[in-house]
Amino acid sequence: MTQKSNQRIDGVNPAETDKRTKAILDAQAKKWGGPLINHLVYAHNPHIFKAVRGMWGGLDQSGLLDAPLVALVNRRVAFHNNCPF
């Protein structure tokens, strides 16, 4: 799936990332048809990428938000960012 975006910063090429980052981007591609654009941008800096993934992993493991609410929040944030997600 090709995502059209008017983003100011181009994302990384997943094939040129480290093994851990590539595995995450590949999993996103399998689940959603392509890596998420924001993660491609975060991947420019491994420390930021790890922190963002840690936040989402922490939210997933905490059980504070159930899956339907997470999906709703993701879509609402995407809407506000003019993302076609």
Protein backbone atom coordinates (compact mmCIF):
# COMPACT_ATOMS: atom_id res chain seq x y z
CA MET A 1 0.00 0.00 0.00
CA THR A 2 1.37 3.38 -0.96
CA GLN A 3 0.49 6.19 1.38
CA LYS A 4 0.35 9.69 -0.04
CA SER A 5 1.49 12.31 2.39
CA ASN A 6 2.33 15.97 2.46
CA GLN A 7 4.84 15.46 5.25
CA ARG A 8 7.84 17.76 5.54
CA ILE A 9 10.31 15.02 6.52
CA ASP A 10 10.69 11.92 4.40
CA GLY A 11 10.68 8.61 6.22
CA VAL A 12 13.54 6.14 6.22
CA ASN A 13 13.84 3.19 3.89
CA PRO A 14 12.93 0.20 6.12
CA ALA A 15 15.55 -1.94 4.36
CA GLU A 16 18.25 0.45 5.59
CA THR A 17 17.31 0.35 9.29
CA ASP A 18 18.66 -1.81 12.09
CA LYS A 19 17.27 -5.30 12.62
CA ARG A 20 14.88 -4.39 15.47
CA THR A 21 13.42 -1.35 13.68
CA LYS A 22 13.04 -3.29 10.45
CA ALA A 23 11.15 -6.05 12.28
CA ILE A 24 8.71 -3.51 13.72
CA LEU A 25 8.20 -1.79 10.36
CA ASP A 26 7.73 -5.18 8.66
CA ALA A 27 5.11 -6.14 11.26
CA GLN A 28 3.27 -2.88 10.57
CA ALA A 29 3.40 -3.59 6.84
CA LYS A 30 1.94 -7.03 7.42
CA LYS A 31 -0.84 -5.68 9.64
CA TRP A 32 -1.73 -2.45 7.81
CA GLY A 33 -0.31 -2.88 4.31
CA GLY A 34 2.70 -0.63 4.91
CA PRO A 35 4.79 0.82 7.70
CA LEU A 36 3.15 3.73 9.49
CA ILE A 37 4.46 7.03 8.15
CA ASN A 38 5.10 8.49 11.60
CA HIS A 39 7.24 5.47 12.51
CA LEU A 40 9.26 5.91 9.32
CA VAL A 41 10.04 9.44 10.47
CA TYR A 42 10.76 8.41 14.08
CA ALA A 43 13.19 5.79 12.74
CA HIS A 44 15.60 8.56 11.70
CA ASN A 45 16.61 8.64 15.35
CA PRO A 46 16.82 5.23 17.05
CA HIS A 47 16.43 6.76 20.53
CA ILE A 48 13.19 8.49 19.59
CA PHE A 49 11.93 5.39 17.79
CA LYS A 50 12.64 3.24 20.86
CA ALA A 51 10.92 5.76 23.15
CA VAL A 52 7.79 5.95 21.00
CA ARG A 53 7.59 2.18 20.73
CA GLY A 54 8.08 1.97 24.49
CA MET A 55 5.15 4.31 25.05
CA TRP A 56 2.83 2.26 22.82
CA GLY A 57 4.09 -0.99 24.34
CA GLY A 58 3.51 0.39 27.83
CA LEU A 59 -0.03 1.43 26.95
CA ASP A 60 -0.71 -1.99 25.44
CA GLN A 61 0.64 -3.83 28.48
CA SER A 62 -1.00 -1.57 31.05
CA GLY A 63 -4.51 -2.56 30.09
CA LEU A 64 -5.63 1.03 30.76
CA LEU A 65 -7.05 1.38 27.26
CA ASP A 66 -8.97 -1.37 25.57
CA ALA A 67 -8.30 -2.12 21.88
CA PRO A 68 -11.42 -0.39 20.46
CA LEU A 69 -10.57 2.81 22.34
CA VAL A 70 -6.95 2.72 21.14
CA ALA A 71 -8.19 2.34 17.56
CA LEU A 72 -10.60 5.26 18.02
CA VAL A 73 -7.88 7.48 19.50
CA ASN A 74 -5.48 6.58 16.67
CA ARG A 75 -8.06 7.47 14.04
CA ARG A 76 -8.97 10.73 15.74
CA VAL A 77 -5.34 11.81 16.04
CA ALA A 78 -4.76 10.82 12.41
CA PHE A 79 -7.75 12.94 11.39
CA HIS A 80 -6.36 15.98 13.20
CA ASN A 81 -2.99 15.43 11.48
CA ASN A 82 -4.61 15.08 8.03
CA CYS A 83 -3.37 11.50 7.87
CA PRO A 84 -5.28 9.07 5.61
CA PHE A 85 -5.13 6.36 8.33
